[in-house]
PDB file of all heavy atoms in Angstrom:
ATOM      1  N   VAL A   1     132.879  50.478 120.690  1.00  0.00           N
ATOM      2  CA  VAL A   1     133.451  49.134 120.611  1.00  0.00           C
ATOM      3  C   VAL A   1     134.106  48.911 119.254  1.00  0.00           C
ATOM      4  O   VAL A   1     135.141  48.236 119.134  1.00  0.00           O
ATOM      5  CB  VAL A   1     132.369  48.074 120.877  1.00  0.00           C
ATOM      6  CG1 VAL A   1     132.878  46.674 120.531  1.00  0.00           C
ATOM      7  CG2 VAL A   1     131.934  48.119 122.338  1.00  0.00           C
ATOM      8  N   MET A   2     133.492  49.503 118.220  1.00  0.00           N
ATOM      9  CA  MET A   2     134.054  49.367 116.865  1.00  0.00           C
ATOM     10  C   MET A   2     135.163  50.394 116.606  1.00  0.00           C
ATOM     11  O   MET A   2     135.565  50.612 115.474  1.00  0.00           O
ATOM     12  CB  MET A   2     132.935  49.528 115.830  1.00  0.00           C
ATOM     13  CG  MET A   2     131.919  48.393 115.859  1.00  0.00           C
ATOM     14  SD  MET A   2     130.696  48.498 114.542  1.00  0.00           S
ATOM     15  CE  MET A   2     129.820  49.990 114.997  1.00  0.00           C
ATOM     16  N   HIS A   3     135.606  51.064 117.696  1.00  0.00           N
ATOM     17  CA  HIS A   3     136.701  52.039 117.624  1.00  0.00           C
ATOM     18  C   HIS A   3     136.350  53.222 116.717  1.00  0.00           C
ATOM     19  O   HIS A   3     137.222  53.803 116.072  1.00  0.00           O
ATOM     20  CB  HIS A   3     137.998  51.378 117.131  1.00  0.00           C
ATOM     21  CG  HIS A   3     138.409  50.196 117.966  1.00  0.00           C
ATOM     22  ND1 HIS A   3     138.933  50.335 119.227  1.00  0.00           N
ATOM     23  CD2 HIS A   3     138.346  48.858 117.721  1.00  0.00           C
ATOM     24  CE1 HIS A   3     139.196  49.140 119.733  1.00  0.00           C
ATOM     25  NE2 HIS A   3     138.848  48.219 118.836  1.00  0.00           N
ATOM     26  N   ALA A   4     135.058  53.560 116.666  1.00  0.00           N
ATOM     27  CA  ALA A   4     134.614  54.735 115.910  1.00  0.00           C
ATOM     28  C   ALA A   4     134.305  55.844 116.913  1.00  0.00           C
ATOM     29  O   ALA A   4     133.142  56.245 117.092  1.00  0.00           O
ATOM     30  CB  ALA A   4     133.404  54.403 115.048  1.00  0.00           C
ATOM     31  N   GLY A   5     135.364  56.297 117.598  1.00  0.00           N
ATOM     32  CA  GLY A   5     135.169  57.274 118.666  1.00  0.00           C
ATOM     33  C   GLY A   5     134.616  58.592 118.180  1.00  0.00           C
ATOM     34  O   GLY A   5     133.753  59.203 118.829  1.00  0.00           O
ATOM     35  N   VAL A   6     135.080  59.064 117.009  1.00  0.00           N
ATOM     36  CA  VAL A   6     134.586  60.338 116.476  1.00  0.00           C
ATOM     37  C   VAL A   6     133.109  60.242 116.144  1.00  0.00           C
ATOM     38  O   VAL A   6     132.319  61.136 116.476  1.00  0.00           O
ATOM     39  CB  VAL A   6     135.402  60.737 115.228  1.00  0.00           C
ATOM     40  CG1 VAL A   6     134.813  62.004 114.608  1.00  0.00           C
ATOM     41  CG2 VAL A   6     136.861  60.959 115.595  1.00  0.00           C
ATOM     42  N   ALA A   7     132.705  59.135 115.500  1.00  0.00           N
ATOM     43  CA  ALA A   7     131.300  58.950 115.159  1.00  0.00           C
ATOM     44  C   ALA A   7     130.446  58.859 116.420  1.00  0.00           C
ATOM     45  O   ALA A   7     129.328  59.391 116.475  1.00  0.00           O
ATOM     46  CB  ALA A   7     131.125  57.692 114.311  1.00  0.00           C
ATOM     47  N   ALA A   8     130.967  58.198 117.454  1.00  0.00           N
ATOM     48  CA  ALA A   8     130.227  58.086 118.713  1.00  0.00           C
ATOM     49  C   ALA A   8     130.024  59.463 119.345  1.00  0.00           C
ATOM     50  O   ALA A   8     128.930  59.788 119.842  1.00  0.00           O
ATOM     51  CB  ALA A   8     130.974  57.160 119.663  1.00  0.00           C
ATOM     52  N   ALA A   9     131.089  60.295 119.332  1.00  0.00           N
ATOM     53  CA  ALA A   9     130.978  61.637 119.907  1.00  0.00           C
ATOM     54  C   ALA A   9     129.981  62.486 119.125  1.00  0.00           C
ATOM     55  O   ALA A   9     129.155  63.201 119.715  1.00  0.00           O
ATOM     56  CB  ALA A   9     132.351  62.300 119.920  1.00  0.00           C
ATOM     57  N   ILE A  10     130.043  62.404 117.783  1.00  0.00           N
ATOM     58  CA  ILE A  10     129.115  63.180 116.957  1.00  0.00           C
ATOM     59  C   ILE A  10     127.684  62.737 117.212  1.00  0.00           C
ATOM     60  O   ILE A  10     126.769  63.567 117.346  1.00  0.00           O
ATOM     61  CB  ILE A  10     129.478  63.023 115.466  1.00  0.00           C
ATOM     62  CG1 ILE A  10     130.830  63.693 115.184  1.00  0.00           C
ATOM     63  CG2 ILE A  10     128.390  63.628 114.579  1.00  0.00           C
ATOM     64  CD1 ILE A  10     131.322  63.476 113.768  1.00  0.00           C
ATOM     65  N   LEU A  11     127.465  61.416 117.305  1.00  0.00           N
ATOM     66  CA  LEU A  11     126.118  60.908 117.574  1.00  0.00           C
ATOM     67  C   LEU A  11     125.600  61.407 118.918  1.00  0.00           C
ATOM     68  O   LEU A  11     124.444  61.799 119.045  1.00  0.00           O
ATOM     69  CB  LEU A  11     126.130  59.384 117.543  1.00  0.00           C
ATOM     70  CG  LEU A  11     124.794  58.697 117.875  1.00  0.00           C
ATOM     71  CD1 LEU A  11     123.712  59.110 116.880  1.00  0.00           C
ATOM     72  CD2 LEU A  11     124.951  57.182 117.904  1.00  0.00           C
ATOM     73  N   GLY A  12     126.476  61.383 119.932  1.00  0.00           N
ATOM     74  CA  GLY A  12     126.056  61.857 121.251  1.00  0.00           C
ATOM     75  C   GLY A  12     125.664  63.319 121.245  1.00  0.00           C
ATOM     76  O   GLY A  12     124.644  63.709 121.818  1.00  0.00           O
ATOM     77  N   VAL A  13     126.477  64.148 120.572  1.00  0.00           N
ATOM     78  CA  VAL A  13     126.175  65.587 120.506  1.00  0.00           C
ATOM     79  C   VAL A  13     124.880  65.829 119.736  1.00  0.00           C
ATOM     80  O   VAL A  13     124.022  66.617 120.159  1.00  0.00           O
ATOM     81  CB  VAL A  13     127.347  66.348 119.850  1.00  0.00           C
ATOM     82  CG1 VAL A  13     126.955  67.805 119.587  1.00  0.00           C
ATOM     83  CG2 VAL A  13     128.582  66.281 120.731  1.00  0.00           C
ATOM     84  N   LEU A  14     124.724  65.150 118.594  1.00  0.00           N
ATOM     85  CA  LEU A  14     123.494  65.315 117.808  1.00  0.00           C
ATOM     86  C   LEU A  14     122.275  64.852 118.585  1.00  0.00           C
ATOM     87  O   LEU A  14     121.193  65.458 118.477  1.00  0.00           O
ATOM     88  CB  LEU A  14     123.615  64.526 116.498  1.00  0.00           C
ATOM     89  CG  LEU A  14     124.598  65.078 115.457  1.00  0.00           C
ATOM     90  CD1 LEU A  14     124.653  64.168 114.240  1.00  0.00           C
ATOM     91  CD2 LEU A  14     124.198  66.493 115.037  1.00  0.00           C
ATOM     92  N   ALA A  15     122.426  63.797 119.375  1.00  0.00           N
ATOM     93  CA  ALA A  15     121.295  63.307 120.172  1.00  0.00           C
ATOM     94  C   ALA A  15     120.875  64.341 121.208  1.00  0.00           C
ATOM     95  O   ALA A  15     119.675  64.589 121.407  1.00  0.00           O
ATOM     96  CB  ALA A  15     121.679  61.994 120.852  1.00  0.00           C
ATOM     97  N   VAL A  16     121.860  64.967 121.857  1.00  0.00           N
ATOM     98  CA  VAL A  16     121.542  65.991 122.863  1.00  0.00           C
ATOM     99  C   VAL A  16     120.860  67.194 122.211  1.00  0.00           C
ATOM    100  O   VAL A  16     119.843  67.709 122.717  1.00  0.00           O
ATOM    101  CB  VAL A  16     122.818  66.424 123.598  1.00  0.00           C
ATOM    102  CG1 VAL A  16     122.533  67.636 124.496  1.00  0.00           C
ATOM    103  CG2 VAL A  16     123.378  65.278 124.427  1.00  0.00           C
ATOM    104  N   ILE A  17     121.389  67.645 121.073  1.00  0.00           N
ATOM    105  CA  ILE A  17     120.803  68.796 120.380  1.00  0.00           C
ATOM    106  C   ILE A  17     119.389  68.470 119.907  1.00  0.00           C
ATOM    107  O   ILE A  17     118.457  69.273 120.086  1.00  0.00           O
ATOM    108  CB  ILE A  17     121.688  69.210 119.193  1.00  0.00           C
ATOM    109  CG1 ILE A  17     123.040  69.722 119.687  1.00  0.00           C
ATOM    110  CG2 ILE A  17     120.994  70.281 118.351  1.00  0.00           C
ATOM    111  CD1 ILE A  17     124.025  70.041 118.579  1.00  0.00           C
ATOM    112  N   SER A  18     119.212  67.283 119.328  1.00  0.00           N
ATOM    113  CA  SER A  18     117.890  66.892 118.823  1.00  0.00           C
ATOM    114  C   SER A  18     116.882  66.798 119.954  1.00  0.00           C
ATOM    115  O   SER A  18     115.731  67.243 119.816  1.00  0.00           O
ATOM    116  CB  SER A  18     117.993  65.553 118.088  1.00  0.00           C
ATOM    117  OG  SER A  18     118.868  65.642 116.982  1.00  0.00           O
ATOM    118  N   ALA A  19     117.293  66.220 121.078  1.00  0.00           N
ATOM    119  CA  ALA A  19     116.382  66.094 122.221  1.00  0.00           C
ATOM    120  C   ALA A  19     115.996  67.465 122.758  1.00  0.00           C
ATOM    121  O   ALA A  19     114.823  67.709 123.095  1.00  0.00           O
ATOM    122  CB  ALA A  19     117.034  65.250 123.309  1.00  0.00           C
ATOM    123  N   THR A  20     116.968  68.379 122.834  1.00  0.00           N
ATOM    124  CA  THR A  20     116.680  69.727 123.322  1.00  0.00           C
ATOM    125  C   THR A  20     115.707  70.451 122.404  1.00  0.00           C
ATOM    126  O   THR A  20     114.747  71.094 122.869  1.00  0.00           O
ATOM    127  CB  THR A  20     117.984  70.536 123.436  1.00  0.00           C
ATOM    128  OG1 THR A  20     118.895  69.848 124.307  1.00  0.00           O
ATOM    129  CG2 THR A  20     117.707  71.927 123.983  1.00  0.00           C
ATOM    130  N   VAL A  21     115.917  70.342 121.098  1.00  0.00           N
ATOM    131  CA  VAL A  21     115.022  70.980 120.131  1.00  0.00           C
ATOM    132  C   VAL A  21     113.623  70.395 120.227  1.00  0.00           C
ATOM    133  O   VAL A  21     112.616  71.123 120.216  1.00  0.00           O
ATOM    134  CB  VAL A  21     115.578  70.822 118.698  1.00  0.00           C
ATOM    135  CG1 VAL A  21     114.560  71.287 117.664  1.00  0.00           C
ATOM    136  CG2 VAL A  21     116.879  71.616 118.547  1.00  0.00           C
ATOM    137  N   ALA A  22     113.538  69.063 120.333  1.00  0.00           N
ATOM    138  CA  ALA A  22     112.231  68.405 120.390  1.00  0.00           C
ATOM    139  C   ALA A  22     111.456  68.814 121.645  1.00  0.00           C
ATOM    140  O   ALA A  22     110.265  69.138 121.572  1.00  0.00           O
ATOM    141  CB  ALA A  22     112.410  66.891 120.349  1.00  0.00           C
ATOM    142  N   VAL A  23     112.136  68.808 122.797  1.00  0.00           N
ATOM    143  CA  VAL A  23     111.463  69.169 124.051  1.00  0.00           C
ATOM    144  C   VAL A  23     111.007  70.625 124.011  1.00  0.00           C
ATOM    145  O   VAL A  23     109.891  70.969 124.436  1.00  0.00           O
ATOM    146  CB  VAL A  23     112.402  68.919 125.249  1.00  0.00           C
ATOM    147  CG1 VAL A  23     111.821  69.532 126.528  1.00  0.00           C
ATOM    148  CG2 VAL A  23     112.629  67.425 125.438  1.00  0.00           C
ATOM    149  N   THR A  24     111.864  71.500 123.482  1.00  0.00           N
ATOM    150  CA  THR A  24     111.506  72.924 123.387  1.00  0.00           C
ATOM    151  C   THR A  24     110.313  73.128 122.471  1.00  0.00           C
ATOM    152  O   THR A  24     109.375  73.865 122.810  1.00  0.00           O
ATOM    153  CB  THR A  24     112.705  73.735 122.864  1.00  0.00           C
ATOM    154  OG1 THR A  24     113.826  73.549 123.743  1.00  0.00           O
ATOM    155  CG2 THR A  24     112.367  75.216 122.784  1.00  0.00           C
ATOM    156  N   TRP A  25     110.324  72.477 121.314  1.00  0.00           N
ATOM    157  CA  TRP A  25     109.221  72.635 120.351  1.00  0.00           C
ATOM    158  C   TRP A  25     107.911  72.115 120.927  1.00  0.00           C
ATOM    159  O   TRP A  25     106.866  72.779 120.833  1.00  0.00           O
ATOM    160  CB  TRP A  25     109.565  71.895 119.059  1.00  0.00           C
ATOM    161  CG  TRP A  25     108.525  72.033 117.987  1.00  0.00           C
ATOM    162  CD1 TRP A  25     108.193  73.158 117.281  1.00  0.00           C
ATOM    163  CD2 TRP A  25     107.654  71.003 117.509  1.00  0.00           C
ATOM    164  NE1 TRP A  25     107.195  72.889 116.392  1.00  0.00           N
ATOM    165  CE2 TRP A  25     106.835  71.569 116.504  1.00  0.00           C
ATOM    166  CE3 TRP A  25     107.508  69.654 117.829  1.00  0.00           C
ATOM    167  CZ2 TRP A  25     105.873  70.835 115.823  1.00  0.00           C
ATOM    168  CZ3 TRP A  25     106.550  68.909 117.143  1.00  0.00           C
ATOM    169  CH2 TRP A  25     105.743  69.508 116.158  1.00  0.00           C
ATOM    170  N   ILE A  26     107.937  70.949 121.556  1.00  0.00           N
ATOM    171  CA  ILE A  26     106.712  70.392 122.151  1.00  0.00           C
ATOM    172  C   ILE A  26     106.211  71.304 123.272  1.00  0.00           C
ATOM    173  O   ILE A  26     105.010  71.560 123.389  1.00  0.00           O
ATOM    174  CB  ILE A  26     106.979  68.971 122.682  1.00  0.00           C
ATOM    175  CG1 ILE A  26     107.249  68.019 121.516  1.00  0.00           C
ATOM    176  CG2 ILE A  26     105.798  68.470 123.507  1.00  0.00           C
ATOM    177  CD1 ILE A  26     107.699  66.640 121.934  1.00  0.00           C
ATOM    178  N   GLY A  27     107.146  71.817 124.087  1.00  0.00           N
ATOM    179  CA  GLY A  27     106.741  72.721 125.158  1.00  0.00           C
ATOM    180  C   GLY A  27     106.086  73.985 124.633  1.00  0.00           C
ATOM    181  O   GLY A  27     105.085  74.461 125.198  1.00  0.00           O
ATOM    182  N   LEU A  28     106.610  74.529 123.547  1.00  0.00           N
ATOM    183  CA  LEU A  28     106.021  75.734 122.960  1.00  0.00           C
ATOM    184  C   LEU A  28     104.638  75.448 122.383  1.00  0.00           C
ATOM    185  O   LEU A  28     103.732  76.281 122.499  1.00  0.00           O
ATOM    186  CB  LEU A  28     106.945  76.289 121.874  1.00  0.00           C
ATOM    187  CG  LEU A  28     108.274  76.865 122.366  1.00  0.00           C
ATOM    188  CD1 LEU A  28     109.175  77.196 121.182  1.00  0.00           C
ATOM    189  CD2 LEU A  28     108.054  78.102 123.232  1.00  0.00           C
ATOM    190  N   ARG A  29     104.467  74.288 121.771  1.00  0.00           N
ATOM    191  CA  ARG A  29     103.172  73.954 121.186  1.00  0.00           C
ATOM    192  C   ARG A  29     102.092  73.774 122.254  1.00  0.00           C
ATOM    193  O   ARG A  29     100.908  74.017 122.002  1.00  0.00           O
ATOM    194  CB  ARG A  29     103.276  72.688 120.333  1.00  0.00           C
ATOM    195  CG  ARG A  29     104.140  72.829 119.092  1.00  0.00           C
ATOM    196  CD  ARG A  29     103.597  73.888 118.139  1.00  0.00           C
ATOM    197  NE  ARG A  29     102.244  73.611 117.713  1.00  0.00           N
ATOM    198  CZ  ARG A  29     101.913  72.836 116.679  1.00  0.00           C
ATOM    199  NH1 ARG A  29     102.887  72.262 115.958  1.00  0.00           N
ATOM    200  NH2 ARG A  29     100.657  72.654 116.345  1.00  0.00           N
ATOM    201  N   PHE A  30     102.514  73.359 123.457  1.00  0.00           N
ATOM    202  CA  PHE A  30     101.555  73.185 124.558  1.00  0.00           C
ATOM    203  C   PHE A  30     101.574  74.368 125.532  1.00  0.00           C
ATOM    204  O   PHE A  30     100.986  74.290 126.612  1.00  0.00           O
ATOM    205  CB  PHE A  30     101.848  71.896 125.321  1.00  0.00           C
ATOM    206  CG  PHE A  30     101.433  70.644 124.599  1.00  0.00           C
ATOM    207  CD1 PHE A  30     102.374  69.741 124.173  1.00  0.00           C
ATOM    208  CD2 PHE A  30     100.091  70.382 124.352  1.00  0.00           C
ATOM    209  CE1 PHE A  30     101.999  68.577 123.506  1.00  0.00           C
ATOM    210  CE2 PHE A  30      99.699  69.228 123.689  1.00  0.00           C
ATOM    211  CZ  PHE A  30     100.658  68.320 123.263  1.00  0.00           C
ATOM    212  N   SER A  31     102.218  75.461 125.160  1.00  0.00           N
ATOM    213  CA  SER A  31     102.385  76.587 126.080  1.00  0.00           C
ATOM    214  C   SER A  31     101.096  77.332 126.377  1.00  0.00           C
ATOM    215  O   SER A  31     101.036  78.106 127.333  1.00  0.00           O
ATOM    216  CB  SER A  31     103.421  77.563 125.523  1.00  0.00           C
ATOM    217  OG  SER A  31     102.997  78.095 124.261  1.00  0.00           O
ATOM    218  N   MET A  32     100.053  77.132 125.585  1.00  0.00           N
ATOM    219  CA  MET A  32      98.798  77.837 125.809  1.00  0.00           C
ATOM    220  C   MET A  32      97.827  77.063 126.690  1.00  0.00           C
ATOM    221  O   MET A  32      96.710  77.512 126.930  1.00  0.00           O
ATOM    222  CB  MET A  32      98.125  78.131 124.460  1.00  0.00           C
ATOM    223  CG  MET A  32      98.882  79.105 123.571  1.00  0.00           C
ATOM    224  SD  MET A  32      99.029  80.766 124.290  1.00  0.00           S
ATOM    225  CE  MET A  32     100.783  80.816 124.659  1.00  0.00           C
ATOM    226  N   VAL A  33      98.230  75.875 127.163  1.00  0.00           N
ATOM    227  CA  VAL A  33      97.322  75.054 127.964  1.00  0.00           C
ATOM    228  C   VAL A  33      96.883  75.800 129.223  1.00  0.00           C
ATOM    229  O   VAL A  33      95.689  75.850 129.551  1.00  0.00           O
ATOM    230  CB  VAL A  33      97.994  73.719 128.329  1.00  0.00           C
ATOM    231  CG1 VAL A  33      97.167  72.976 129.378  1.00  0.00           C
ATOM    232  CG2 VAL A  33      98.149  72.843 127.092  1.00  0.00           C
ATOM    233  N   GLY A  34      97.835  76.383 129.948  1.00  0.00           N
ATOM    234  CA  GLY A  34      97.491  77.106 131.174  1.00  0.00           C
ATOM    235  C   GLY A  34      96.559  78.278 130.945  1.00  0.00           C
ATOM    236  O   GLY A  34      95.497  78.365 131.575  1.00  0.00           O
ATOM    237  N   PRO A  35      96.902  79.210 130.048  1.00  0.00           N
ATOM    238  CA  PRO A  35      95.977  80.315 129.775  1.00  0.00           C
ATOM    239  C   PRO A  35      94.605  79.847 129.291  1.00  0.00           C
ATOM    240  O   PRO A  35      93.589  80.448 129.660  1.00  0.00           O
ATOM    241  CB  PRO A  35      96.712  81.105 128.687  1.00  0.00           C
ATOM    242  CG  PRO A  35      98.157  80.837 128.942  1.00  0.00           C
ATOM    243  CD  PRO A  35      98.206  79.415 129.393  1.00  0.00           C
ATOM    244  N   MET A  36      94.556  78.794 128.484  1.00  0.00           N
ATOM    245  CA  MET A  36      93.256  78.316 127.992  1.00  0.00           C
ATOM    246  C   MET A  36      92.389  77.795 129.132  1.00  0.00           C
ATOM    247  O   MET A  36      91.183  78.054 129.183  1.00  0.00           O
ATOM    248  CB  MET A  36      93.463  77.210 126.950  1.00  0.00           C
ATOM    249  CG  MET A  36      94.120  77.686 125.665  1.00  0.00           C
ATOM    250  SD  MET A  36      94.468  76.349 124.511  1.00  0.00           S
ATOM    251  CE  MET A  36      92.948  76.329 123.591  1.00  0.00           C
ATOM    252  N   MET A  37      92.989  77.064 130.079  1.00  0.00           N
ATOM    253  CA  MET A  37      92.226  76.547 131.216  1.00  0.00           C
ATOM    254  C   MET A  37      91.728  77.674 132.107  1.00  0.00           C
ATOM    255  O   MET A  37      90.597  77.646 132.590  1.00  0.00           O
ATOM    256  CB  MET A  37      93.084  75.573 132.015  1.00  0.00           C
ATOM    257  CG  MET A  37      93.333  74.248 131.344  1.00  0.00           C
ATOM    258  SD  MET A  37      94.173  73.111 132.472  1.00  0.00           S
ATOM    259  CE  MET A  37      94.343  71.673 131.409  1.00  0.00           C
ATOM    260  N   VAL A  38      92.588  78.662 132.347  1.00  0.00           N
ATOM    261  CA  VAL A  38      92.177  79.783 133.187  1.00  0.00           C
ATOM    262  C   VAL A  38      91.104  80.617 132.484  1.00  0.00           C
ATOM    263  O   VAL A  38      90.210  81.171 133.124  1.00  0.00           O
ATOM    264  CB  VAL A  38      93.391  80.655 133.545  1.00  0.00           C
ATOM    265  CG1 VAL A  38      92.973  81.933 134.268  1.00  0.00           C
ATOM    266  CG2 VAL A  38      94.369  79.869 134.417  1.00  0.00           C
ATOM    267  N   ALA A  39      91.173  80.683 131.164  1.00  0.00           N
ATOM    268  CA  ALA A  39      90.226  81.512 130.416  1.00  0.00           C
ATOM    269  C   ALA A  39      88.788  81.046 130.590  1.00  0.00           C
ATOM    270  O   ALA A  39      87.885  81.861 130.780  1.00  0.00           O
ATOM    271  CB  ALA A  39      90.600  81.522 128.933  1.00  0.00           C
ATOM    272  N   ASP A  40      88.553  79.708 130.527  1.00  0.00           N
ATOM    273  CA  ASP A  40      87.169  79.231 130.622  1.00  0.00           C
ATOM    274  C   ASP A  40      86.943  78.181 131.699  1.00  0.00           C
ATOM    275  O   ASP A  40      85.833  77.666 131.844  1.00  0.00           O
ATOM    276  CB  ASP A  40      86.698  78.681 129.271  1.00  0.00           C
ATOM    277  CG  ASP A  40      87.527  77.507 128.779  1.00  0.00           C
ATOM    278  OD1 ASP A  40      88.356  76.991 129.560  1.00  0.00           O
ATOM    279  OD2 ASP A  40      87.362  77.103 127.615  1.00  0.00           O
ATOM    280  N   GLY A  41      87.992  77.824 132.462  1.00  0.00           N
ATOM    281  CA  GLY A  41      87.838  76.873 133.553  1.00  0.00           C
ATOM    282  C   GLY A  41      87.643  75.438 133.110  1.00  0.00           C
ATOM    283  O   GLY A  41      87.266  74.593 133.929  1.00  0.00           O
ATOM    284  N   LYS A  42      87.909  75.134 131.843  1.00  0.00           N
ATOM    285  CA  LYS A  42      87.717  73.775 131.325  1.00  0.00           C
ATOM    286  C   LYS A  42      89.061  73.144 130.979  1.00  0.00           C
ATOM    287  O   LYS A  42      90.076  73.821 130.893  1.00  0.00           O
ATOM    288  CB  LYS A  42      86.816  73.806 130.087  1.00  0.00           C
ATOM    289  CG  LYS A  42      85.423  74.360 130.355  1.00  0.00           C
ATOM    290  CD  LYS A  42      84.606  74.397 129.065  1.00  0.00           C
ATOM    291  CE  LYS A  42      83.219  74.967 129.314  1.00  0.00           C
ATOM    292  NZ  LYS A  42      82.414  75.041 128.071  1.00  0.00           N
ATOM    293  N   PHE A  43      89.010  71.821 130.775  1.00  0.00           N
ATOM    294  CA  PHE A  43      90.223  71.088 130.434  1.00  0.00           C
ATOM    295  C   PHE A  43      90.578  71.308 128.968  1.00  0.00           C
ATOM    296  O   PHE A  43      89.730  71.200 128.081  1.00  0.00           O
ATOM    297  CB  PHE A  43      90.028  69.594 130.688  1.00  0.00           C
ATOM    298  CG  PHE A  43      91.229  68.767 130.317  1.00  0.00           C
ATOM    299  CD1 PHE A  43      92.311  68.668 131.170  1.00  0.00           C
ATOM    300  CD2 PHE A  43      91.278  68.095 129.099  1.00  0.00           C
ATOM    301  CE1 PHE A  43      93.423  67.915 130.832  1.00  0.00           C
ATOM    302  CE2 PHE A  43      92.382  67.340 128.754  1.00  0.00           C
ATOM    303  CZ  PHE A  43      93.459  67.244 129.627  1.00  0.00           C
TER     304      PHE A  43
END
């Protein structure tokens, strides 16, 4: 609306990259949940 199209595009791209990095990092940190549950049958 403020006619800052370049800034809007950069913000959109950075938001997508940041979200992808965050989801990947969180997924990796919780990646051992399945093996841990199977290992001892507990939550």
